[in-house]
Protein backbone atom coordinates (compact mmCIF):
# COMPACT_ATOMS: atom_id res chain seq x y z
CA UNK A 1 -24.71 79.79 5.39
CA UNK A 2 -24.12 80.61 1.72
CA UNK A 3 -21.96 83.71 1.38
CA UNK A 4 -21.82 83.97 -2.41
CA UNK A 5 -24.74 81.92 -3.69
CA UNK A 6 -26.74 83.60 -6.43
CA UNK A 7 -30.38 83.36 -5.42
CA UNK A 8 -32.80 81.00 -7.12
CA UNK A 9 -36.15 79.45 -6.22
CA UNK A 10 -34.31 76.40 -4.92
CA UNK A 11 -31.91 78.37 -2.68
CA UNK A 12 -34.15 81.03 -1.15
CA UNK A 13 -34.16 79.31 2.26
CA UNK A 14 -30.37 79.57 2.71
CA UNK A 15 -29.13 82.31 5.03
CA UNK A 16 -27.14 84.85 3.03
CA UNK A 17 -24.14 86.79 4.30
CA UNK A 18 -24.73 89.91 2.19
CA UNK A 19 -26.43 93.30 2.23
CA UNK A 20 -28.91 94.39 -0.40
CA UNK A 21 -28.10 97.73 -2.05
CA UNK A 22 -29.39 99.79 -4.95
CA UNK A 23 -28.27 102.60 -7.25
CA UNK A 24 -31.12 104.37 -9.05
CA UNK A 25 -32.03 107.58 -10.81
CA UNK A 26 -34.46 108.70 -8.10
CA UNK A 27 -34.91 112.44 -7.50
CA UNK A 28 -32.76 113.16 -4.42
CA UNK A 29 -34.72 116.40 -3.81
CA UNK A 30 -37.89 114.40 -3.13
CA UNK A 31 -39.52 115.51 -6.37
CA UNK A 32 -40.65 113.44 -9.34
CA UNK A 33 -37.75 114.08 -11.71
CA UNK A 34 -36.55 110.49 -11.31
CA UNK A 35 -34.17 110.46 -14.24
CA UNK A 36 -30.75 111.48 -15.49
CA UNK A 37 -30.43 113.87 -18.45
CA UNK A 38 -27.93 112.95 -21.18
CA UNK A 39 -27.28 115.54 -23.86
CA UNK A 40 -26.72 114.66 -27.56
CA UNK A 41 -23.13 113.49 -27.99
CA UNK A 42 -22.56 113.19 -24.25
CA UNK A 43 -21.18 110.15 -22.42
CA UNK A 44 -22.63 110.06 -18.92
CA UNK A 45 -21.28 108.08 -15.97
CA UNK A 46 -24.60 107.22 -14.39
CA UNK A 47 -23.53 104.74 -11.71
CA UNK A 48 -20.38 103.94 -9.75
CA UNK A 49 -20.50 101.12 -7.21
CA UNK A 50 -17.86 99.87 -4.77
CA UNK A 51 -17.02 96.21 -4.24
CA UNK A 52 -16.75 93.46 -3.44
CA UNK A 53 -20.30 93.19 -4.73
CA UNK A 54 -22.55 91.22 -7.07
CA UNK A 55 -25.01 93.02 -9.32
CA UNK A 56 -28.14 90.87 -9.42
CA UNK A 57 -30.50 92.92 -11.60
CA UNK A 58 -30.19 95.89 -13.96
CA UNK A 59 -33.30 97.69 -15.23
CA UNK A 60 -33.50 100.86 -17.30
CA UNK A 61 -35.56 102.74 -19.83
CA UNK A 62 -34.88 105.78 -21.99
CA UNK A 63 -36.95 108.52 -23.59
CA UNK A 64 -36.11 111.44 -25.84
CA UNK A 65 -37.17 115.01 -25.21
CA UNK A 66 -39.30 116.62 -27.92
CA UNK A 67 -37.48 119.91 -28.71
CA UNK A 68 -40.66 121.41 -30.18
CA UNK A 69 -42.72 120.76 -27.05
CA UNK A 70 -43.32 123.51 -24.51
CA UNK A 71 -44.50 120.98 -21.93
CA UNK A 72 -41.39 118.78 -21.98
CA UNK A 73 -43.07 115.90 -23.79
CA UNK A 74 -41.08 112.67 -24.05
CA UNK A 75 -41.02 110.34 -27.05
CA UNK A 76 -38.78 107.78 -28.67
CA UNK A 77 -36.46 109.01 -31.40
CA UNK A 78 -36.22 106.49 -34.23
CA UNK A 79 -33.57 103.83 -33.55
CA UNK A 80 -32.69 105.44 -30.21
CA UNK A 81 -31.75 102.07 -28.71
CA UNK A 82 -29.16 101.49 -31.47
CA UNK A 83 -27.92 105.10 -31.20
CA UNK A 84 -27.28 104.74 -27.47
CA UNK A 85 -24.21 102.81 -26.28
CA UNK A 86 -23.85 101.07 -22.91
CA UNK A 87 -20.42 100.41 -21.43
CA UNK A 88 -19.52 98.79 -18.11
CA UNK A 89 -16.04 98.84 -16.56
CA UNK A 90 -14.94 96.53 -13.73
CA UNK A 91 -12.24 97.37 -11.19
CA UNK A 92 -11.05 100.59 -12.84
CA UNK A 93 -10.18 98.90 -16.14
CA UNK A 94 -9.62 101.22 -19.12
CA UNK A 95 -11.17 98.96 -21.77
CA UNK A 96 -14.82 98.12 -21.00
CA UNK A 97 -15.96 94.57 -20.33
CA UNK A 98 -19.43 95.43 -21.69
CA UNK A 99 -19.83 97.40 -24.92
CA UNK A 100 -23.03 97.33 -26.97
CA UNK A 101 -25.89 99.49 -28.23
CA UNK A 102 -28.50 99.58 -25.48
CA UNK A 103 -31.20 97.61 -27.29
CA UNK A 104 -28.77 94.97 -28.53
CA UNK A 105 -27.43 94.46 -25.02
CA UNK A 106 -30.94 93.71 -23.80
CA UNK A 107 -31.42 91.06 -26.47
CA UNK A 108 -32.93 92.62 -29.62
CA UNK A 109 -31.18 94.40 -32.50
CA UNK A 110 -32.30 96.39 -35.54
CA UNK A 111 -32.69 99.53 -33.42
CA UNK A 112 -36.19 98.53 -32.28
CA UNK A 113 -37.90 97.34 -29.11
CA UNK A 114 -40.52 94.64 -28.63
CA UNK A 115 -41.90 92.97 -25.55
CA UNK A 116 -40.38 89.50 -25.08
CA UNK A 117 -39.17 87.28 -22.24
CA UNK A 118 -36.09 85.10 -21.86
CA UNK A 119 -34.58 84.00 -18.57
CA UNK A 120 -31.56 86.36 -18.44
CA UNK A 121 -32.86 89.25 -20.60
CA UNK A 122 -36.27 90.83 -21.13
CA UNK A 123 -37.95 93.74 -22.85
CA UNK A 124 -41.15 94.63 -21.05
CA UNK A 125 -44.22 96.78 -21.81
CA UNK A 126 -44.87 99.39 -22.92
CA UNK A 127 -43.83 98.09 -26.37
CA UNK A 128 -40.61 96.62 -25.01
CA UNK A 129 -39.27 99.89 -23.57
CA UNK A 130 -38.63 98.40 -20.11
CA UNK A 131 -35.22 96.67 -20.22
CA UNK A 132 -34.16 93.97 -17.75
CA UNK A 133 -30.89 92.05 -17.31
CA UNK A 134 -30.63 89.23 -14.75
CA UNK A 135 -27.09 88.08 -15.52
CA UNK A 136 -25.16 88.20 -12.20
CA UNK A 137 -22.16 90.52 -12.36
CA UNK A 138 -19.55 90.17 -9.59
CA UNK A 139 -16.64 92.57 -9.12
CA UNK A 140 -13.92 93.11 -6.57
CA UNK A 141 -13.30 96.87 -6.41
CA UNK A 142 -15.63 98.95 -8.56
CA UNK A 143 -18.28 98.98 -11.27
CA UNK A 144 -18.70 101.98 -13.56
CA UNK A 145 -21.72 102.28 -15.89
CA UNK A 146 -21.74 104.78 -18.77
CA UNK A 147 -24.25 105.62 -21.48
CA UNK A 148 -23.43 107.54 -24.66
CA UNK A 149 -26.27 109.44 -26.31
CA UNK A 150 -25.74 109.56 -30.08
CA UNK A 151 -29.34 110.64 -30.68
CA UNK A 152 -30.26 114.03 -32.10
CA UNK A 153 -32.19 114.96 -28.97
CA UNK A 154 -31.73 115.18 -25.24
CA UNK A 155 -32.36 111.90 -23.42
CA UNK A 156 -33.85 110.89 -20.11
CA UNK A 157 -32.45 107.76 -18.47
CA UNK A 158 -34.31 105.98 -15.69
CA UNK A 159 -32.51 103.07 -14.00
CA UNK A 160 -32.25 100.63 -11.11
CA UNK A 161 -29.09 98.65 -10.40
CA UNK A 162 -29.73 96.13 -7.62
CA UNK A 163 -26.70 94.53 -6.01
CA UNK A 164 -25.38 92.75 -2.93
CA UNK A 165 -22.28 93.75 -1.02
CA UNK A 166 -20.41 90.71 0.26
CA UNK A 167 -17.44 90.20 2.59
CA UNK A 168 -15.47 88.65 -0.25
CA UNK A 169 -15.92 86.95 -3.61
CA UNK A 170 -14.87 83.39 -4.36
CA UNK A 171 -11.29 83.17 -5.59
CA UNK A 172 -12.51 81.70 -8.88
CA UNK A 173 -15.21 84.32 -9.53
CA UNK A 174 -15.31 85.36 -13.21
CA UNK A 175 -16.28 88.73 -14.66
CA UNK A 176 -19.29 89.28 -16.89
CA UNK A 177 -18.66 90.47 -20.48
CA UNK A 178 -20.84 91.45 -23.44
CA UNK A 179 -19.74 92.62 -26.88
CA UNK A 180 -21.65 93.76 -29.97
CA UNK A 181 -20.47 93.11 -33.51
CA UNK A 182 -21.86 93.92 -36.98
CA UNK A 183 -21.01 92.92 -40.53
CA UNK A 184 -22.85 94.74 -43.35
CA UNK A 185 -22.99 92.95 -45.65
CA UNK A 186 -21.50 89.57 -44.97
CA UNK A 187 -19.18 88.65 -47.83
CA UNK A 188 -21.20 86.19 -49.86
CA UNK A 189 -21.67 85.25 -53.50
CA UNK A 190 -23.87 87.28 -55.89
CA UNK A 191 -27.23 85.61 -56.38
CA UNK A 192 -27.07 85.90 -60.16
CA UNK A 193 -23.66 84.17 -60.22
CA UNK A 194 -25.23 80.81 -59.32
CA UNK A 195 -26.51 78.27 -61.83
CA UNK A 196 -29.87 77.99 -60.09
CA UNK A 197 -31.67 79.65 -57.23
CA UNK A 198 -31.52 76.38 -55.28
CA UNK A 199 -27.73 76.32 -55.68
CA UNK A 200 -27.55 79.75 -54.08
CA UNK A 201 -29.89 78.96 -51.17
CA UNK A 202 -28.71 75.44 -50.34
CA UNK A 203 -25.36 75.19 -52.12
CA UNK A 204 -24.28 72.76 -54.81
CA UNK A 205 -22.21 69.61 -54.51
CA UNK A 206 -19.12 71.75 -55.00
CA UNK A 207 -19.92 74.03 -52.04
CA UNK A 208 -18.08 72.58 -49.04
CA UNK A 209 -16.79 74.58 -46.09
CA UNK A 210 -13.78 72.64 -44.82
CA UNK A 211 -11.98 75.51 -43.07
CA UNK A 212 -14.54 77.80 -41.44
CA UNK A 213 -12.86 80.76 -43.11
CA UNK A 214 -15.25 83.63 -43.85
CA UNK A 215 -17.74 82.64 -41.17
CA UNK A 216 -19.48 85.43 -39.28
CA UNK A 217 -17.68 85.87 -35.95
CA UNK A 218 -19.94 86.23 -32.91
CA UNK A 219 -17.11 86.25 -30.36
CA UNK A 220 -13.35 85.94 -30.24
CA UNK A 221 -11.96 86.01 -26.70
CA UNK A 222 -8.72 85.11 -24.95
CA UNK A 223 -8.32 83.91 -21.40
CA UNK A 224 -10.23 81.37 -19.30
CA UNK A 225 -13.95 81.35 -18.75
CA UNK A 226 -17.20 80.24 -20.30
CA UNK A 227 -19.38 81.48 -23.13
CA UNK A 228 -23.03 81.83 -22.11
CA UNK A 229 -24.73 82.70 -25.40
CA UNK A 230 -25.69 85.38 -27.87
CA UNK A 231 -28.44 87.07 -29.77
CA UNK A 232 -28.15 87.21 -33.57
CA UNK A 233 -30.01 89.71 -35.75
CA UNK A 234 -30.26 89.28 -39.52
CA UNK A 235 -31.76 91.55 -42.17
CA UNK A 236 -32.37 89.75 -45.47
CA UNK A 237 -30.85 92.01 -48.17
CA UNK A 238 -31.27 89.74 -51.19
CA UNK A 239 -33.44 91.39 -53.92
CA UNK A 240 -34.80 88.06 -55.23
CA UNK A 241 -38.55 87.57 -54.89
CA UNK A 242 -38.16 83.79 -54.79
CA UNK A 243 -38.22 81.52 -51.74
CA UNK A 244 -35.30 82.97 -49.83
CA UNK A 245 -34.55 81.29 -46.49
CA UNK A 246 -31.67 83.03 -44.71
CA UNK A 247 -30.38 80.00 -42.82
CA UNK A 248 -28.42 76.85 -43.70
CA UNK A 249 -25.28 78.23 -42.04
CA UNK A 250 -23.57 75.88 -39.58
CA UNK A 251 -22.34 77.09 -36.22
CA UNK A 252 -18.67 76.36 -35.49
CA UNK A 253 -17.21 77.04 -32.05
CA UNK A 254 -13.44 76.74 -31.66
CA UNK A 255 -12.08 76.18 -28.15
CA UNK A 256 -8.47 76.79 -27.03
CA UNK A 257 -7.06 77.27 -30.52
CA UNK A 258 -8.32 74.05 -32.10
CA UNK A 259 -8.39 73.74 -35.89
CA UNK A 260 -11.25 72.81 -38.21
CA UNK A 261 -13.34 70.82 -37.61
CA UNK A 262 -13.99 72.26 -34.15
CA UNK A 263 -15.23 70.03 -31.36
CA UNK A 264 -18.51 71.99 -31.39
CA UNK A 265 -19.78 71.88 -34.99
CA UNK A 266 -23.50 72.32 -35.63
CA UNK A 267 -25.91 71.54 -38.44
CA UNK A 268 -27.52 74.87 -39.30
CA UNK A 269 -28.39 78.32 -38.06
CA UNK A 270 -31.95 77.56 -36.96
CA UNK A 271 -30.64 74.38 -35.32
CA UNK A 272 -28.15 76.28 -33.15
CA UNK A 273 -31.02 78.44 -31.91
CA UNK A 274 -33.01 75.23 -31.24
CA UNK A 275 -35.64 76.03 -33.86
CA UNK A 276 -36.49 73.93 -36.91
CA UNK A 277 -37.58 73.78 -40.53
CA UNK A 278 -37.01 77.38 -41.66
CA UNK A 279 -39.16 78.85 -38.89
CA UNK A 280 -41.63 81.62 -39.64
CA UNK A 281 -43.17 81.75 -36.15
CA UNK A 282 -42.08 83.83 -33.20
CA UNK A 283 -41.46 82.05 -29.91
CA UNK A 284 -39.61 83.09 -26.75
CA UNK A 285 -38.53 80.45 -24.24
CA UNK A 286 -36.19 80.80 -21.23
CA UNK A 287 -32.96 79.88 -23.06
CA UNK A 288 -33.72 80.12 -26.79
CA UNK A 289 -36.17 81.70 -29.20
CA UNK A 290 -37.11 83.86 -32.17
CA UNK A 291 -38.20 87.40 -31.26
CA UNK A 292 -38.59 88.30 -34.96
CA UNK A 293 -39.25 85.72 -37.69
CA UNK A 294 -39.17 87.68 -40.94
CA UNK A 295 -41.82 88.33 -43.57
CA UNK A 296 -43.24 86.62 -46.67
CA UNK A 297 -40.67 84.43 -48.48
CA UNK A 298 -38.28 84.96 -45.55
CA UNK A 299 -37.69 88.65 -46.31
CA UNK A 300 -37.31 91.27 -43.63
CA UNK A 301 -35.71 91.07 -40.22
CA UNK A 302 -34.91 88.21 -37.84
CA UNK A 303 -33.83 88.12 -34.22
CA UNK A 304 -32.77 84.87 -32.52
CA UNK A 305 -31.20 84.05 -29.17
CA UNK A 306 -29.54 81.08 -27.47
CA UNK A 307 -28.33 81.39 -23.88
CA UNK A 308 -26.04 78.66 -22.53
CA UNK A 309 -27.00 79.12 -18.90
CA UNK A 310 -27.72 75.45 -18.32
CA UNK A 311 -24.87 74.38 -20.62
CA UNK A 312 -22.06 76.98 -20.63
CA UNK A 313 -19.22 76.42 -23.09
CA UNK A 314 -15.96 76.31 -21.15
CA UNK A 315 -12.58 77.50 -22.43
CA UNK A 316 -9.17 77.64 -20.78
CA UNK A 317 -7.14 79.73 -23.27
CA UNK A 318 -9.42 81.11 -25.98
CA UNK A 319 -12.74 80.77 -27.77
CA UNK A 320 -13.97 81.71 -31.23
CA UNK A 321 -17.72 81.49 -31.84
CA UNK A 322 -18.66 81.58 -35.54
CA UNK A 323 -21.56 80.78 -37.85
CA UNK A 324 -21.81 80.53 -41.63
CA UNK A 325 -23.89 83.21 -43.37
CA UNK A 326 -25.78 80.79 -45.56
CA UNK A 327 -24.34 77.41 -46.53
CA UNK A 328 -20.63 77.82 -47.27
CA UNK A 329 -21.05 81.57 -46.61
CA UNK A 330 -23.02 82.20 -49.80
CA UNK A 331 -25.27 84.98 -48.46
CA UNK A 332 -24.66 88.74 -48.22
CA UNK A 333 -26.97 90.06 -45.49
CA UNK A 334 -26.85 92.43 -42.54
CA UNK A 335 -25.61 90.49 -39.49
CA UNK A 336 -25.26 91.86 -35.98
CA UNK A 337 -24.89 90.09 -32.66
CA UNK A 338 -24.19 90.51 -28.98
CA UNK A 339 -22.15 87.79 -27.26
CA UNK A 340 -22.22 87.18 -23.50
CA UNK A 341 -19.51 85.41 -21.53
CA UNK A 342 -17.68 85.22 -18.21
CA UNK A 343 -13.91 85.20 -17.93
CA UNK A 344 -10.94 85.99 -15.72
CA UNK A 345 -9.44 89.41 -16.35
CA UNK A 346 -7.70 90.83 -18.22
CA UNK A 347 -9.81 90.38 -21.34
CA UNK A 348 -8.72 90.86 -24.93
CA UNK A 349 -9.10 94.62 -25.63
CA UNK A 350 -12.19 95.54 -27.62
CA UNK A 351 -11.98 97.99 -30.51
CA UNK A 352 -14.08 101.13 -30.15
CA UNK A 353 -17.68 100.58 -31.21
CA UNK A 354 -18.67 101.68 -34.73
CA UNK A 355 -19.82 105.30 -35.11
CA UNK A 356 -23.55 105.88 -35.01
CA UNK A 357 -24.03 106.19 -38.78
CA UNK A 358 -22.56 102.69 -39.17
CA UNK A 359 -24.81 101.21 -36.48
CA UNK A 360 -28.13 102.25 -38.00
CA UNK A 361 -30.41 99.83 -39.91
CA UNK A 362 -30.31 100.08 -43.70
CA UNK A 363 -33.04 100.66 -46.25
CA UNK A 364 -32.94 97.39 -48.19
CA UNK A 365 -34.03 98.95 -51.49
CA UNK A 366 -31.31 101.59 -51.15
CA UNK A 367 -28.86 98.83 -50.32
CA UNK A 368 -29.66 96.87 -53.47
CA UNK A 369 -29.08 99.78 -55.86
CA UNK A 370 -26.31 101.86 -54.30
CA UNK A 371 -22.58 101.29 -54.00
CA UNK A 372 -20.88 100.13 -50.83
CA UNK A 373 -17.70 101.29 -49.20
CA UNK A 374 -15.52 99.16 -46.94
CA UNK A 375 -14.82 100.51 -43.47
CA UNK A 376 -13.06 99.31 -40.35
CA UNK A 377 -13.55 95.86 -38.83
CA UNK A 378 -14.83 94.19 -41.99
CA UNK A 379 -17.96 96.34 -41.94
CA UNK A 380 -19.48 98.05 -44.95
CA UNK A 381 -21.93 100.88 -45.17
CA UNK A 382 -23.96 102.60 -47.84
CA UNK A 383 -22.23 105.40 -49.72
């Protein structure tokens, strides 16, 4: 009998000592209003679950009410999945273990949705508006789910949270965490300051990163646990019309306070995401892929993911997951990411998420020709 085994195709025949439960937005009156309303600016606690339990699946979708409609029509306000923030609190903690815009949490940034499939996260039809998370989430006492609506319109939230109640959790059970981060722009080198375009894209002989300083930080955590991956979203903001590949940045993952070079040092951005040769094709596999692959001459928007489910990266004291933004951090683009990991509590406190105006995608032409102002957490926004 397997009391705490997370189900898989290979373990379905084991007897399980658990009870299947569900929280959902169903209409308790028996009607068809199977949703929760969230007003503009409101933070709604939409689920509270008692433990010990293991959440096995989380599905939701959102829609925005059309204020001009007399029939209550529902649509999708532009960038609504970047304007909406998901937080999850375990065991009555005050600082959330999960904090991310809704769309980013489910694997795709830029404030958009698109149907794609990975093993732990999926966006499903219609047009990627059905969100699924299969990461198991154990907790001892309680789980509290909140959603903040920073849209201009009233929102409907539909959700299922499927979970198992268990007699007890293993003593070494770790808690699930997810954290979003953005840097706009990354602090690179002006394109016109380089001797040649090739020097700027690939670096010259003088460009050597021997410290890792200035790398984009995907995750910085303290405690013991294991990192299980991230999605990384990049918007190419360089005005050059030449061949303009966004990659060449090495991944560097520092475990338990080690110095450069870290024990996990990679060979390039597309290599970390298990792609190759400046990819221009979209592909979604169980553990890695490219949901968006840019436009002509590598302009536009990219979205990559790599989930270390088969090969988690273990840490005992701390972990710092970084990647260069271009070789030797030469590029200045819009980077955002969501990192996923498990660890023993307490976790390092997360700063409050950026306000909505600093989460929205930028107009690249406006970005090229307007000034920038530095804000909190090494993030910059358009004036």
